[in-house]
Amino acid sequence: MPRTSLIRLPVRPIALSIKLVLFLILLGFAARNSDDVSIRYFLGLEWQAPLSLVILIAFAAGLLVGLLACSVSMLRRYRELRAMRRALSQAESDMAGKS
């Protein structure tokens, strides 16, 4: 029975074109939302910046908080995995010593 070969698409040009389209969409978003907005803090402090910059900063802050939350969980799992590997290694050496 002959094998059917899958058509392999070049990944790099596709990924590059997706990145280019995404960049152009974000560039258009930034150009359309260049109006200044005021961010008011406590004690009468105020900061003015373009809306697209404020949204970008909020997105980056959310991304950072999410990554930190995930890294805590990943670190905990890494420690647990390391302890299990040590226990497995110890059990294997005990089994080798008994044979």
N, C-alpha and C. Protein backbone atom coordinates (compact mmCIF):
# COMPACT_ATOMS: atom_id res chain seq x y z
N MET A 1 0.84 -1.17 0.00
CA MET A 1 0.00 0.00 0.00
C MET A 1 0.89 1.24 0.00
N PRO A 2 0.73 2.13 -0.95
CA PRO A 2 1.59 3.31 -1.01
C PRO A 2 1.26 4.30 0.10
N ARG A 3 2.31 4.94 0.56
CA ARG A 3 2.14 5.95 1.61
C ARG A 3 1.71 7.26 0.98
N THR A 4 0.79 7.91 1.64
CA THR A 4 0.41 9.24 1.18
C THR A 4 1.23 10.24 1.97
N SER A 5 1.88 11.10 1.29
CA SER A 5 2.71 12.08 1.98
C SER A 5 1.90 13.34 2.26
N LEU A 6 2.09 13.84 3.43
CA LEU A 6 1.43 15.08 3.81
C LEU A 6 2.16 16.25 3.17
N ILE A 7 1.40 17.22 2.78
CA ILE A 7 2.01 18.42 2.21
C ILE A 7 2.58 19.23 3.36
N ARG A 8 3.86 19.50 3.31
CA ARG A 8 4.50 20.26 4.37
C ARG A 8 4.60 21.71 3.94
N LEU A 9 3.91 22.56 4.67
CA LEU A 9 3.97 23.98 4.38
C LEU A 9 5.16 24.60 5.08
N PRO A 10 5.80 25.54 4.45
CA PRO A 10 6.91 26.22 5.13
C PRO A 10 6.37 27.07 6.28
N VAL A 11 6.87 26.81 7.46
CA VAL A 11 6.34 27.45 8.66
C VAL A 11 6.83 28.88 8.79
N ARG A 12 8.06 29.14 8.49
CA ARG A 12 8.61 30.47 8.70
C ARG A 12 7.90 31.56 7.90
N PRO A 13 7.66 31.39 6.61
CA PRO A 13 6.94 32.45 5.89
C PRO A 13 5.52 32.66 6.41
N ILE A 14 4.86 31.59 6.83
CA ILE A 14 3.51 31.73 7.38
C ILE A 14 3.56 32.48 8.70
N ALA A 15 4.48 32.12 9.57
CA ALA A 15 4.62 32.79 10.87
C ALA A 15 4.99 34.25 10.68
N LEU A 16 5.88 34.51 9.73
CA LEU A 16 6.28 35.88 9.46
C LEU A 16 5.10 36.70 8.94
N SER A 17 4.30 36.13 8.08
CA SER A 17 3.16 36.87 7.55
C SER A 17 2.11 37.12 8.63
N ILE A 18 1.92 36.17 9.53
CA ILE A 18 0.98 36.38 10.64
C ILE A 18 1.49 37.49 11.55
N LYS A 19 2.78 37.49 11.84
CA LYS A 19 3.36 38.55 12.68
C LYS A 19 3.24 39.91 12.01
N LEU A 20 3.45 39.97 10.71
CA LEU A 20 3.34 41.22 9.98
C LEU A 20 1.91 41.76 10.01
N VAL A 21 0.93 40.88 9.80
CA VAL A 21 -0.47 41.30 9.85
C VAL A 21 -0.83 41.79 11.25
N LEU A 22 -0.39 41.06 12.27
CA LEU A 22 -0.66 41.47 13.65
C LEU A 22 -0.01 42.82 13.96
N PHE A 23 1.21 43.02 13.49
CA PHE A 23 1.89 44.29 13.71
C PHE A 23 1.13 45.43 13.04
N LEU A 24 0.68 45.21 11.82
CA LEU A 24 -0.06 46.27 11.11
C LEU A 24 -1.39 46.58 11.79
N ILE A 25 -2.06 45.56 12.31
CA ILE A 25 -3.30 45.80 13.04
C ILE A 25 -3.03 46.62 14.30
N LEU A 26 -1.99 46.25 15.04
CA LEU A 26 -1.65 47.00 16.25
C LEU A 26 -1.17 48.41 15.95
N LEU A 27 -0.46 48.57 14.85
CA LEU A 27 -0.02 49.91 14.45
C LEU A 27 -1.23 50.78 14.10
N GLY A 28 -2.18 50.22 13.39
CA GLY A 28 -3.40 50.95 13.08
C GLY A 28 -4.19 51.29 14.34
N PHE A 29 -4.23 50.36 15.30
CA PHE A 29 -4.90 50.63 16.57
C PHE A 29 -4.23 51.78 17.30
N ALA A 30 -2.92 51.78 17.33
CA ALA A 30 -2.19 52.84 18.03
C ALA A 30 -2.39 54.18 17.34
N ALA A 31 -2.44 54.17 16.00
CA ALA A 31 -2.65 55.43 15.27
C ALA A 31 -4.05 55.97 15.50
N ARG A 32 -5.04 55.09 15.57
CA ARG A 32 -6.42 55.53 15.75
C ARG A 32 -6.71 55.95 17.19
N ASN A 33 -5.91 55.51 18.15
CA ASN A 33 -6.14 55.81 19.57
C ASN A 33 -4.99 56.61 20.14
N SER A 34 -4.64 57.67 19.46
CA SER A 34 -3.52 58.49 19.92
C SER A 34 -3.96 59.68 20.76
N ASP A 35 -5.24 59.77 21.07
CA ASP A 35 -5.73 60.86 21.91
C ASP A 35 -5.17 60.72 23.32
N ASP A 36 -4.91 61.85 23.96
CA ASP A 36 -4.40 61.83 25.32
C ASP A 36 -5.52 61.52 26.30
N VAL A 37 -5.19 60.73 27.29
CA VAL A 37 -6.11 60.43 28.39
C VAL A 37 -5.41 60.80 29.68
N SER A 38 -6.19 61.11 30.69
CA SER A 38 -5.64 61.48 31.99
C SER A 38 -5.86 60.34 32.97
N ILE A 39 -4.81 59.95 33.63
CA ILE A 39 -4.89 58.96 34.69
C ILE A 39 -4.71 59.73 35.99
N ARG A 40 -5.73 59.68 36.83
CA ARG A 40 -5.71 60.44 38.08
C ARG A 40 -5.42 59.49 39.24
N TYR A 41 -4.42 59.85 40.03
CA TYR A 41 -4.01 59.09 41.21
C TYR A 41 -4.56 59.78 42.44
N PHE A 42 -4.22 59.24 43.58
CA PHE A 42 -4.58 59.87 44.85
C PHE A 42 -3.74 61.12 45.07
N LEU A 43 -4.16 61.94 45.96
CA LEU A 43 -3.48 63.18 46.37
C LEU A 43 -3.31 64.16 45.20
N GLY A 44 -4.21 64.11 44.24
CA GLY A 44 -4.19 65.07 43.16
C GLY A 44 -3.16 64.82 42.07
N LEU A 45 -2.48 63.69 42.10
CA LEU A 45 -1.51 63.39 41.05
C LEU A 45 -2.23 62.98 39.78
N GLU A 46 -1.69 63.41 38.66
CA GLU A 46 -2.31 63.12 37.37
C GLU A 46 -1.23 62.86 36.33
N TRP A 47 -1.51 61.92 35.43
CA TRP A 47 -0.57 61.58 34.37
C TRP A 47 -1.33 61.55 33.06
N GLN A 48 -0.80 62.20 32.04
CA GLN A 48 -1.43 62.21 30.73
C GLN A 48 -0.55 61.47 29.74
N ALA A 49 -1.19 60.60 28.96
CA ALA A 49 -0.47 59.81 27.97
C ALA A 49 -1.46 59.40 26.88
N PRO A 50 -0.94 59.01 25.71
CA PRO A 50 -1.84 58.51 24.67
C PRO A 50 -2.56 57.23 25.13
N LEU A 51 -3.79 57.08 24.68
CA LEU A 51 -4.61 55.94 25.08
C LEU A 51 -3.94 54.62 24.72
N SER A 52 -3.32 54.54 23.55
CA SER A 52 -2.67 53.29 23.16
C SER A 52 -1.53 52.92 24.10
N LEU A 53 -0.80 53.92 24.61
CA LEU A 53 0.27 53.65 25.56
C LEU A 53 -0.28 53.16 26.89
N VAL A 54 -1.37 53.75 27.34
CA VAL A 54 -2.00 53.32 28.59
C VAL A 54 -2.49 51.89 28.47
N ILE A 55 -3.10 51.55 27.33
CA ILE A 55 -3.56 50.17 27.13
C ILE A 55 -2.38 49.21 27.07
N LEU A 56 -1.31 49.61 26.40
CA LEU A 56 -0.11 48.76 26.32
C LEU A 56 0.49 48.52 27.70
N ILE A 57 0.55 49.55 28.52
CA ILE A 57 1.10 49.40 29.87
C ILE A 57 0.21 48.50 30.71
N ALA A 58 -1.12 48.65 30.59
CA ALA A 58 -2.03 47.79 31.33
C ALA A 58 -1.90 46.34 30.88
N PHE A 59 -1.74 46.12 29.58
CA PHE A 59 -1.56 44.76 29.05
C PHE A 59 -0.26 44.15 29.57
N ALA A 60 0.81 44.93 29.54
CA ALA A 60 2.10 44.43 30.00
C ALA A 60 2.06 44.11 31.50
N ALA A 61 1.38 44.96 32.28
CA ALA A 61 1.27 44.70 33.72
C ALA A 61 0.47 43.42 33.97
N GLY A 62 -0.60 43.22 33.23
CA GLY A 62 -1.39 41.99 33.37
C GLY A 62 -0.60 40.76 32.97
N LEU A 63 0.18 40.89 31.90
CA LEU A 63 1.02 39.79 31.45
C LEU A 63 2.06 39.44 32.51
N LEU A 64 2.66 40.44 33.10
CA LEU A 64 3.67 40.22 34.14
C LEU A 64 3.06 39.54 35.36
N VAL A 65 1.89 39.99 35.79
CA VAL A 65 1.23 39.38 36.94
C VAL A 65 0.87 37.92 36.64
N GLY A 66 0.38 37.66 35.43
CA GLY A 66 0.05 36.29 35.05
C GLY A 66 1.27 35.39 35.01
N LEU A 67 2.37 35.89 34.46
CA LEU A 67 3.60 35.10 34.42
C LEU A 67 4.14 34.81 35.81
N LEU A 68 4.06 35.79 36.69
CA LEU A 68 4.51 35.57 38.07
C LEU A 68 3.65 34.54 38.77
N ALA A 69 2.34 34.59 38.54
CA ALA A 69 1.44 33.61 39.16
C ALA A 69 1.74 32.21 38.64
N CYS A 70 2.00 32.09 37.36
CA CYS A 70 2.32 30.77 36.78
C CYS A 70 3.68 30.27 37.25
N SER A 71 4.63 31.17 37.40
CA SER A 71 5.97 30.74 37.79
C SER A 71 6.00 30.20 39.21
N VAL A 72 5.16 30.73 40.08
CA VAL A 72 5.10 30.20 41.45
C VAL A 72 4.62 28.76 41.41
N SER A 73 3.58 28.49 40.64
CA SER A 73 3.07 27.13 40.53
C SER A 73 4.09 26.21 39.87
N MET A 74 4.76 26.68 38.84
CA MET A 74 5.76 25.87 38.16
C MET A 74 6.94 25.57 39.07
N LEU A 75 7.35 26.52 39.87
CA LEU A 75 8.46 26.31 40.80
C LEU A 75 8.08 25.27 41.84
N ARG A 76 6.86 25.33 42.32
CA ARG A 76 6.40 24.35 43.30
C ARG A 76 6.40 22.95 42.69
N ARG A 77 5.93 22.82 41.46
CA ARG A 77 5.91 21.51 40.79
C ARG A 77 7.33 21.01 40.51
N TYR A 78 8.22 21.93 40.16
CA TYR A 78 9.61 21.54 39.91
C TYR A 78 10.24 20.97 41.17
N ARG A 79 10.00 21.62 42.30
CA ARG A 79 10.54 21.11 43.56
C ARG A 79 9.98 19.74 43.90
N GLU A 80 8.67 19.57 43.67
CA GLU A 80 8.04 18.28 43.94
C GLU A 80 8.61 17.19 43.03
N LEU A 81 8.83 17.52 41.76
CA LEU A 81 9.40 16.57 40.82
C LEU A 81 10.82 16.19 41.22
N ARG A 82 11.60 17.18 41.65
CA ARG A 82 12.97 16.91 42.08
C ARG A 82 12.99 15.98 43.29
N ALA A 83 12.07 16.19 44.24
CA ALA A 83 11.99 15.31 45.42
C ALA A 83 11.59 13.90 45.02
N MET A 84 10.68 13.78 44.05
CA MET A 84 10.26 12.45 43.59
C MET A 84 11.40 11.73 42.86
N ARG A 85 12.17 12.47 42.09
CA ARG A 85 13.31 11.86 41.41
C ARG A 85 14.35 11.37 42.41
N ARG A 86 14.57 12.15 43.46
CA ARG A 86 15.52 11.72 44.50
C ARG A 86 15.02 10.45 45.18
N ALA A 87 13.71 10.41 45.47
CA ALA A 87 13.14 9.23 46.12
C ALA A 87 13.23 8.02 45.20
N LEU A 88 12.99 8.21 43.91
CA LEU A 88 13.10 7.11 42.95
C LEU A 88 14.54 6.62 42.86
N SER A 89 15.47 7.55 42.81
CA SER A 89 16.88 7.17 42.74
C SER A 89 17.29 6.40 44.00
N GLN A 90 16.81 6.85 45.14
CA GLN A 90 17.12 6.16 46.39
C GLN A 90 16.51 4.76 46.40
N ALA A 91 15.27 4.63 45.92
CA ALA A 91 14.61 3.33 45.88
C ALA A 91 15.32 2.39 44.91
N GLU A 92 15.77 2.92 43.77
CA GLU A 92 16.49 2.09 42.81
C GLU A 92 17.82 1.61 43.37
N SER A 93 18.52 2.49 44.08
CA SER A 93 19.79 2.08 44.67
C SER A 93 19.58 1.06 45.80
N ASP A 94 18.47 1.20 46.55
CA ASP A 94 18.16 0.22 47.58
C ASP A 94 17.84 -1.14 46.97
N MET A 95 17.11 -1.11 45.83
CA MET A 95 16.75 -2.37 45.16
C MET A 95 17.99 -3.03 44.56
N ALA A 96 18.91 -2.23 44.05
CA ALA A 96 20.15 -2.77 43.47
C ALA A 96 21.02 -3.36 44.57
N GLY A 97 20.99 -2.78 45.75
CA GLY A 97 21.79 -3.29 46.85
C GLY A 97 21.27 -4.61 47.41
N LYS A 98 19.97 -4.85 47.31
CA LYS A 98 19.37 -6.07 47.82
C LYS A 98 19.55 -7.24 46.87
N SER A 99 19.78 -6.97 45.57
CA SER A 99 19.91 -8.08 44.61
C SER A 99 21.25 -8.73 44.69
